[in-house]
Amino acid sequence: MPQPPQAEVGVVTLQSESLPMESELRGRTRAYVTSEVRPQVGGILRKRLFTEGAEVHEGDVLYEIEPAAYQAAYNSAKGALAQAQATLRAARPKAQRYRKLVELDAISKQDSEDALASLQQAEASVLVAQADLESARINLDHTKVRAPVSGRIGTSTYTQGALVTADQTTALATINQLDPIYVDVTQSSAQLLSLRRRLKDGTLKSVDGKVPVSLILEDGSRYAYEGALEVVVSEVDEATGTVKLRAVVPNPDHDLLPGMYVSAMLSMAIDEKAILAPQQAVSRNNKGEATVLVVDDAGKVQSRVVQTGQAVGSRWVITTGLAAGERVIIEGLQKVRSGDIVHAVNVEPAGVPVQDGKSTSPAAPQPSPKAVASHQAN
């Protein structure tokens, strides 16, 4: 009896590729530096010297506190220092004269020691007066409340005429340094352990230098500047089972503001032998497992259970179940089943260009594959 005609199916021969392993992690932006402006002396606010929401520079005067009382204290301390210095000028020559007189037995030793003690007391009084003057000068200077850091200042919580104190808990204003800016994201501890295990056994190759980080903003657009991963916190959050990662991202235009929700793409390692299969080759069985149909060297169809990783364009990363050189069916899946003998035709999935014998990742999924001219007989 004549043999039934073999079904024709389109296959793709898998090849290993070098693939950056990207993780998409959710997180929020945080100011690089946050500084709360507080008064260091008490008094009445006389002036506010900044525009709310504007850029300020370190050392800029933001507020003025009524300085009259502090100016008076400074003047008093200055006078006390002058008085102490005058006493010292009188005590020094007296002590010198008494030292010479006691050598001549012209005065008693006790008188010489008393003169020396008066000199030392005068010297100590000058030191105390100098310290008091410096303290008064510092307090007077603090009546001008200056910006501790450069950045964008927020709204003022106090207005002209308000009474402020040195130990108050409420800040006068808050300054955020926005360039660069932090991006805090979280990764599950299980994913981090898996990554480290694969790096250790050589399955993955680490990326040289710092891990690059690119951002996807809330509106779906890609942020113009790329940052780098700086910190991996050395403890796991007990409530969520996640590890915090912190990236530093340039923000020269101040497009990113603290508290914004972003997605961070991290290329944390390179899989030198990644296997990628077209998404149309992968289906699910009644157990929910991912399966593909493979054509062996004899032209026989085999059903293979695989494990899929991340999606790269219109392909799945296959972590287990397939190897380089195997042929998977992407056309004619409905016409065959496991055990059938088929006629396999090499096809090229649309959107996956072939370069030097290796396919590259497509930018986006395409509707259907396109048959290649040559056929392979079995």
Protein backbone atom coordinates (compact mmCIF):
# COMPACT_ATOMS: atom_id res chain seq x y z
CA MET A 1 0.00 0.00 0.00
CA PRO A 2 1.28 3.49 -0.75
CA GLN A 3 2.58 5.43 2.27
CA PRO A 4 0.49 8.45 3.25
CA PRO A 5 2.19 11.72 2.31
CA GLN A 6 4.32 13.25 5.04
CA ALA A 7 2.99 16.44 6.55
CA GLU A 8 5.13 19.48 5.83
CA VAL A 9 6.06 21.61 8.84
CA GLY A 10 8.17 24.73 9.27
CA VAL A 11 11.04 24.41 11.71
CA VAL A 12 13.68 26.67 13.23
CA THR A 13 17.10 25.32 14.16
CA LEU A 14 18.05 26.63 17.57
CA GLN A 15 21.43 28.23 18.18
CA SER A 16 23.09 29.38 21.37
CA GLU A 17 23.51 33.14 21.77
CA SER A 18 25.18 35.59 24.10
CA LEU A 19 22.30 37.23 25.94
CA PRO A 20 22.38 39.93 28.63
CA MET A 21 20.19 38.78 31.52
CA GLU A 22 17.92 41.74 32.24
CA SER A 23 15.70 42.05 35.28
CA GLU A 24 12.79 44.46 35.33
CA LEU A 25 12.29 45.68 38.88
CA ARG A 26 9.75 48.15 40.25
CA GLY A 27 10.76 50.98 42.52
CA ARG A 28 10.65 54.66 43.35
CA THR A 29 12.97 57.60 43.07
CA ARG A 30 14.58 59.13 46.14
CA ALA A 31 16.45 62.42 46.51
CA TYR A 32 20.22 62.00 46.49
CA VAL A 33 20.46 64.34 49.48
CA THR A 34 17.58 65.55 51.65
CA SER A 35 18.28 68.31 54.16
CA GLU A 36 15.77 69.84 56.56
CA VAL A 37 16.49 73.50 57.31
CA ARG A 38 16.14 74.28 61.03
CA PRO A 39 17.07 77.35 63.10
CA GLN A 40 20.02 77.04 65.47
CA VAL A 41 18.96 80.06 67.55
CA GLY A 42 15.56 81.30 68.62
CA GLY A 43 13.82 84.53 67.73
CA ILE A 44 11.39 86.26 65.40
CA LEU A 45 11.71 85.59 61.66
CA ARG A 46 12.38 88.95 60.07
CA LYS A 47 12.77 87.94 56.41
CA ARG A 48 12.41 84.99 54.01
CA LEU A 49 14.97 85.41 51.24
CA PHE A 50 14.21 82.58 48.77
CA THR A 51 11.54 81.66 46.23
CA GLU A 52 9.69 78.48 47.07
CA GLY A 53 10.48 75.67 44.60
CA ALA A 54 13.63 77.41 43.33
CA GLU A 55 17.21 76.18 43.17
CA VAL A 56 19.39 77.28 46.09
CA HIS A 57 23.10 76.87 46.66
CA GLU A 58 25.00 75.81 49.74
CA GLY A 59 25.61 78.87 51.92
CA ASP A 60 22.75 80.98 50.52
CA VAL A 61 20.89 82.96 53.20
CA LEU A 62 17.33 81.61 53.36
CA TYR A 63 15.93 83.36 56.46
CA GLU A 64 16.93 86.18 58.78
CA ILE A 65 16.10 86.02 62.51
CA GLU A 66 15.90 89.29 64.45
CA PRO A 67 19.59 89.81 65.43
CA ALA A 68 19.37 92.68 67.98
CA ALA A 69 19.67 90.54 71.12
CA TYR A 70 22.49 88.48 69.63
CA GLN A 71 24.33 91.63 68.48
CA ALA A 72 24.12 92.97 72.04
CA ALA A 73 25.46 89.69 73.46
CA TYR A 74 28.32 89.84 70.97
CA ASN A 75 29.17 93.44 71.94
CA SER A 76 29.09 92.50 75.64
CA ALA A 77 31.41 89.54 75.07
CA LYS A 78 33.74 91.74 73.06
CA GLY A 79 33.91 94.21 75.97
CA ALA A 80 34.52 91.43 78.49
CA LEU A 81 37.43 90.21 76.39
CA ALA A 82 38.94 93.71 76.27
CA GLN A 83 38.64 93.96 80.05
CA ALA A 84 40.31 90.58 80.56
CA GLN A 85 43.12 91.51 78.19
CA ALA A 86 43.69 94.76 80.13
CA THR A 87 43.94 92.85 83.41
CA LEU A 88 46.43 90.49 81.78
CA ARG A 89 48.57 93.36 80.55
CA ALA A 90 48.82 94.66 84.11
CA ALA A 91 49.46 91.27 85.71
CA ARG A 92 52.28 90.17 83.40
CA PRO A 93 54.92 92.89 84.23
CA LYS A 94 54.04 92.69 87.96
CA ALA A 95 54.73 88.96 87.98
CA GLN A 96 58.04 89.53 86.16
CA ARG A 97 59.14 92.22 88.68
CA TYR A 98 58.22 90.07 91.67
CA ARG A 99 60.19 87.16 90.25
CA LYS A 100 63.33 89.29 90.12
CA LEU A 101 62.72 90.80 93.56
CA VAL A 102 62.35 87.44 95.21
CA GLU A 103 65.74 86.43 93.78
CA LEU A 104 67.20 89.47 95.58
CA ASP A 105 65.30 88.64 98.79
CA ALA A 106 63.57 92.02 98.46
CA ILE A 107 60.10 90.49 98.88
CA SER A 108 58.76 87.30 100.29
CA LYS A 109 58.39 84.19 98.18
CA GLN A 110 54.65 84.21 98.95
CA ASP A 111 54.24 87.63 97.31
CA SER A 112 55.96 86.33 94.15
CA GLU A 113 53.70 83.27 94.04
CA ASP A 114 50.59 85.45 94.51
CA ALA A 115 51.66 87.65 91.57
CA LEU A 116 52.25 84.55 89.42
CA ALA A 117 48.80 83.18 90.36
CA SER A 118 47.19 86.51 89.43
CA LEU A 119 48.94 86.34 86.05
CA GLN A 120 47.70 82.81 85.39
CA GLN A 121 44.17 83.79 86.45
CA ALA A 122 44.27 86.75 84.04
CA GLU A 123 45.44 84.47 81.21
CA ALA A 124 42.58 82.05 81.96
CA SER A 125 40.10 84.93 82.01
CA VAL A 126 41.25 85.98 78.54
CA LEU A 127 40.73 82.44 77.23
CA VAL A 128 37.19 82.34 78.72
CA ALA A 129 36.38 85.77 77.29
CA GLN A 130 37.65 84.70 73.86
CA ALA A 131 35.44 81.59 73.98
CA ASP A 132 32.42 83.67 75.05
CA LEU A 133 33.06 86.08 72.19
CA GLU A 134 33.33 83.21 69.68
CA SER A 135 30.08 81.71 71.01
CA ALA A 136 28.34 85.09 70.71
CA ARG A 137 29.71 85.49 67.17
CA ILE A 138 28.40 82.04 66.19
CA ASN A 139 24.94 82.80 67.59
CA LEU A 140 24.88 86.13 65.78
CA ASP A 141 25.89 84.42 62.54
CA HIS A 142 23.12 81.84 63.04
CA THR A 143 20.53 84.60 62.87
CA LYS A 144 21.12 84.22 59.12
CA VAL A 145 19.78 80.74 58.34
CA ARG A 146 21.81 79.39 55.42
CA ALA A 147 21.26 76.52 52.99
CA PRO A 148 23.24 73.48 54.24
CA VAL A 149 23.30 71.89 50.76
CA SER A 150 22.58 72.85 47.17
CA GLY A 151 19.32 71.68 45.63
CA ARG A 152 15.66 72.49 45.10
CA ILE A 153 13.92 73.98 48.11
CA GLY A 154 10.29 73.26 48.90
CA THR A 155 7.65 75.39 50.55
CA SER A 156 8.31 77.38 53.72
CA THR A 157 6.45 76.20 56.82
CA TYR A 158 6.98 79.55 58.59
CA THR A 159 6.28 83.10 57.49
CA GLN A 160 7.71 86.49 58.41
CA GLY A 161 6.97 87.37 62.04
CA ALA A 162 6.81 83.78 63.27
CA LEU A 163 8.62 82.78 66.45
CA VAL A 164 11.17 79.97 65.99
CA THR A 165 13.31 78.12 68.54
CA ALA A 166 16.62 76.33 68.35
CA ASP A 167 15.21 72.97 69.48
CA GLN A 168 12.00 72.90 67.42
CA THR A 169 11.08 69.66 65.62
CA THR A 170 9.39 71.28 62.61
CA ALA A 171 11.73 72.22 59.77
CA LEU A 172 11.55 75.69 58.25
CA ALA A 173 11.87 74.12 54.75
CA THR A 174 13.33 71.05 53.04
CA ILE A 175 16.01 70.99 50.32
CA ASN A 176 16.32 68.05 47.93
CA GLN A 177 19.40 67.48 45.80
CA LEU A 178 18.06 65.97 42.57
CA ASP A 179 21.12 65.50 40.37
CA PRO A 180 21.99 62.69 40.54
CA ILE A 181 18.98 60.90 42.02
CA TYR A 182 18.55 57.54 43.74
CA VAL A 183 16.28 54.81 42.40
CA ASP A 184 15.36 52.21 45.04
CA VAL A 185 14.04 48.88 43.74
CA THR A 186 13.49 45.46 45.28
CA GLN A 187 14.34 41.95 44.13
CA SER A 188 13.20 38.72 45.70
CA SER A 189 15.84 36.91 47.73
CA ALA A 190 15.15 33.73 45.71
CA GLN A 191 16.01 35.54 42.43
CA LEU A 192 19.19 36.92 43.96
CA LEU A 193 20.25 33.47 45.19
CA SER A 194 19.56 31.96 41.76
CA LEU A 195 21.61 34.67 40.06
CA ARG A 196 24.56 34.19 42.41
CA ARG A 197 24.40 30.39 42.04
CA ARG A 198 24.46 30.59 38.23
CA LEU A 199 27.34 33.07 38.35
CA LYS A 200 29.26 30.76 40.67
CA ASP A 201 28.84 27.61 38.56
CA GLY A 202 29.73 29.47 35.35
CA THR A 203 26.31 29.24 33.71
CA LEU A 204 26.27 33.02 33.63
CA LYS A 205 29.10 35.46 33.14
CA SER A 206 29.12 38.62 35.21
CA VAL A 207 29.07 42.00 33.48
CA ASP A 208 32.35 43.88 33.86
CA GLY A 209 32.27 46.93 36.09
CA LYS A 210 29.07 48.33 37.54
CA VAL A 211 25.65 47.02 36.59
CA PRO A 212 24.02 49.48 34.14
CA VAL A 213 20.46 50.59 34.92
CA SER A 214 17.95 52.05 32.47
CA LEU A 215 14.55 53.40 33.50
CA ILE A 216 11.02 53.13 32.13
CA LEU A 217 8.87 56.01 33.37
CA GLU A 218 5.24 55.92 34.48
CA ASP A 219 3.98 56.90 31.02
CA GLY A 220 5.88 54.00 29.40
CA SER A 221 8.65 56.14 27.90
CA ARG A 222 12.33 55.30 28.34
CA TYR A 223 14.37 57.75 30.40
CA ALA A 224 17.14 59.45 28.44
CA TYR A 225 20.00 58.82 30.89
CA GLU A 226 21.44 55.51 32.08
CA GLY A 227 22.57 55.00 35.66
CA ALA A 228 24.42 52.32 37.58
CA LEU A 229 23.67 49.99 40.47
CA GLU A 230 25.52 51.22 43.56
CA VAL A 231 24.20 49.36 46.60
CA VAL A 232 22.79 45.91 47.33
CA VAL A 233 21.49 45.95 50.92
CA SER A 234 22.99 43.07 52.92
CA GLU A 235 19.76 41.99 54.61
CA VAL A 236 16.39 40.60 53.55
CA ASP A 237 13.13 42.32 54.48
CA GLU A 238 11.41 39.76 56.72
CA ALA A 239 7.92 41.01 55.81
CA THR A 240 8.32 40.79 52.01
CA GLY A 241 11.28 38.44 51.45
CA THR A 242 12.95 41.00 49.21
CA VAL A 243 16.35 42.67 49.00
CA LYS A 244 16.66 46.41 48.34
CA LEU A 245 18.86 47.58 45.48
CA ARG A 246 19.84 51.22 44.99
CA ALA A 247 20.90 52.79 41.69
CA VAL A 248 22.30 56.25 41.04
CA VAL A 249 20.93 57.91 37.90
CA PRO A 250 21.89 61.28 36.34
CA ASN A 251 19.09 63.84 36.47
CA PRO A 252 20.47 67.06 34.94
CA ASP A 253 17.08 68.26 33.67
CA HIS A 254 15.29 67.40 36.95
CA ASP A 255 12.74 65.31 35.04
CA LEU A 256 12.79 62.81 37.90
CA LEU A 257 11.32 63.98 41.21
CA PRO A 258 11.44 62.15 44.55
CA GLY A 259 8.65 59.60 44.96
CA MET A 260 8.08 58.88 41.24
CA TYR A 261 7.21 55.29 40.32
CA VAL A 262 9.59 53.76 37.76
CA SER A 263 10.66 50.42 36.32
CA ALA A 264 14.39 49.74 36.35
CA MET A 265 16.00 47.43 33.77
CA LEU A 266 19.17 45.86 35.17
CA SER A 267 21.62 43.87 33.02
CA MET A 268 23.14 41.87 35.88
CA ALA A 269 24.91 39.08 33.94
CA ILE A 270 25.45 37.56 30.49
CA ASP A 271 24.31 34.07 29.47
CA GLU A 272 26.93 33.04 26.92
CA LYS A 273 24.93 30.00 25.75
CA ALA A 274 21.32 31.18 25.89
CA ILE A 275 18.73 29.20 23.94
CA LEU A 276 15.82 31.23 22.55
CA ALA A 277 12.79 29.72 20.85
CA PRO A 278 10.06 31.57 18.92
CA GLN A 279 6.99 32.12 21.03
CA GLN A 280 4.76 30.44 18.41
CA ALA A 281 6.66 27.18 19.01
CA VAL A 282 5.65 27.06 22.69
CA SER A 283 2.25 25.83 23.84
CA ARG A 284 0.76 24.46 27.05
CA ASN A 285 -0.39 20.90 27.81
CA ASN A 286 -3.33 20.00 30.03
CA LYS A 287 -1.03 20.16 33.06
CA GLY A 288 -0.11 23.76 32.29
CA GLU A 289 3.46 22.83 31.33
CA ALA A 290 5.23 24.59 28.49
CA THR A 291 5.86 22.20 25.56
CA VAL A 292 7.40 22.31 22.10
CA LEU A 293 7.39 19.87 19.20
CA VAL A 294 10.90 18.86 18.10
CA VAL A 295 11.84 17.14 14.82
CA ASP A 296 14.73 14.68 15.29
CA ASP A 297 17.29 13.64 12.68
CA ALA A 298 14.97 10.89 11.43
CA GLY A 299 12.14 13.35 10.81
CA LYS A 300 10.13 12.11 13.78
CA VAL A 301 8.14 14.52 15.93
CA GLN A 302 8.80 14.52 19.68
CA SER A 303 6.88 16.45 22.32
CA ARG A 304 9.25 18.08 24.78
CA VAL A 305 8.44 19.75 28.12
CA VAL A 306 10.54 22.89 28.60
CA GLN A 307 10.96 25.67 31.11
CA THR A 308 10.76 29.23 29.86
CA GLY A 309 12.45 32.32 31.26
CA GLN A 310 12.06 35.94 30.24
CA ALA A 311 10.60 37.07 26.92
CA VAL A 312 13.03 38.68 24.48
CA GLY A 313 11.02 40.32 21.73
CA SER A 314 8.97 37.53 20.11
CA ARG A 315 11.04 34.70 21.63
CA TRP A 316 11.21 32.89 24.95
CA VAL A 317 14.44 32.15 26.77
CA ILE A 318 14.46 28.37 27.28
CA THR A 319 16.17 27.51 30.55
CA THR A 320 15.80 23.70 30.34
CA GLY A 321 14.49 21.18 27.83
CA LEU A 322 16.18 22.25 24.56
CA ALA A 323 19.73 22.38 23.23
CA ALA A 324 21.53 24.15 20.40
CA GLY A 325 21.10 22.39 17.03
CA GLU A 326 17.62 21.00 17.72
CA ARG A 327 14.76 21.85 15.37
CA VAL A 328 11.46 23.09 16.77
CA ILE A 329 8.23 23.32 14.79
CA ILE A 330 6.72 26.80 14.39
CA GLU A 331 4.46 26.13 11.34
CA GLY A 332 1.96 23.31 10.93
CA LEU A 333 1.63 22.54 14.64
CA GLN A 334 -2.05 21.71 14.20
CA LYS A 335 -1.30 19.06 11.53
CA VAL A 336 1.06 16.82 13.50
CA ARG A 337 1.47 15.13 16.85
CA SER A 338 4.20 13.31 18.73
CA GLY A 339 5.46 10.25 16.82
CA ASP A 340 4.55 11.46 13.31
CA ILE A 341 7.12 11.42 10.52
CA VAL A 342 7.17 14.83 8.86
CA HIS A 343 8.83 16.75 6.06
CA ALA A 344 10.70 19.63 7.79
CA VAL A 345 11.25 22.95 6.04
CA ASN A 346 13.63 25.54 7.47
CA VAL A 347 11.80 28.80 8.04
CA GLU A 348 12.80 32.16 9.41
CA PRO A 349 10.46 33.76 11.94
CA ALA A 350 9.55 37.23 10.74
CA GLY A 351 11.27 39.91 12.77
CA VAL A 352 14.25 37.68 13.66
CA PRO A 353 16.91 38.53 11.05
CA VAL A 354 19.70 36.03 10.41
CA GLN A 355 23.22 37.42 10.68
CA ASP A 356 26.32 35.25 10.26
CA GLY A 357 24.29 32.16 10.94
CA LYS A 358 22.90 33.47 14.24
CA SER A 359 19.51 35.02 14.79
CA THR A 360 19.20 38.23 16.74
CA SER A 361 16.47 39.32 19.10
CA PRO A 362 13.53 41.04 17.35
CA ALA A 363 12.25 44.39 18.38
CA ALA A 364 8.64 43.19 18.56
CA PRO A 365 6.53 40.06 17.83
CA GLN A 366 5.47 39.59 14.18
CA PRO A 367 2.28 37.96 12.88
CA SER A 368 3.64 34.91 11.04
CA PRO A 369 6.92 33.26 9.91
CA LYS A 370 8.12 33.32 6.32
CA ALA A 371 9.32 30.17 4.56
CA VAL A 372 12.89 30.02 3.33
CA ALA A 373 13.53 28.89 -0.25
CA SER A 374 15.52 25.76 0.50
CA HIS A 375 13.90 22.57 1.83
CA GLN A 376 15.41 19.81 3.85
CA ALA A 377 14.35 16.25 3.05
CA ASN A 378 14.23 13.56 5.70
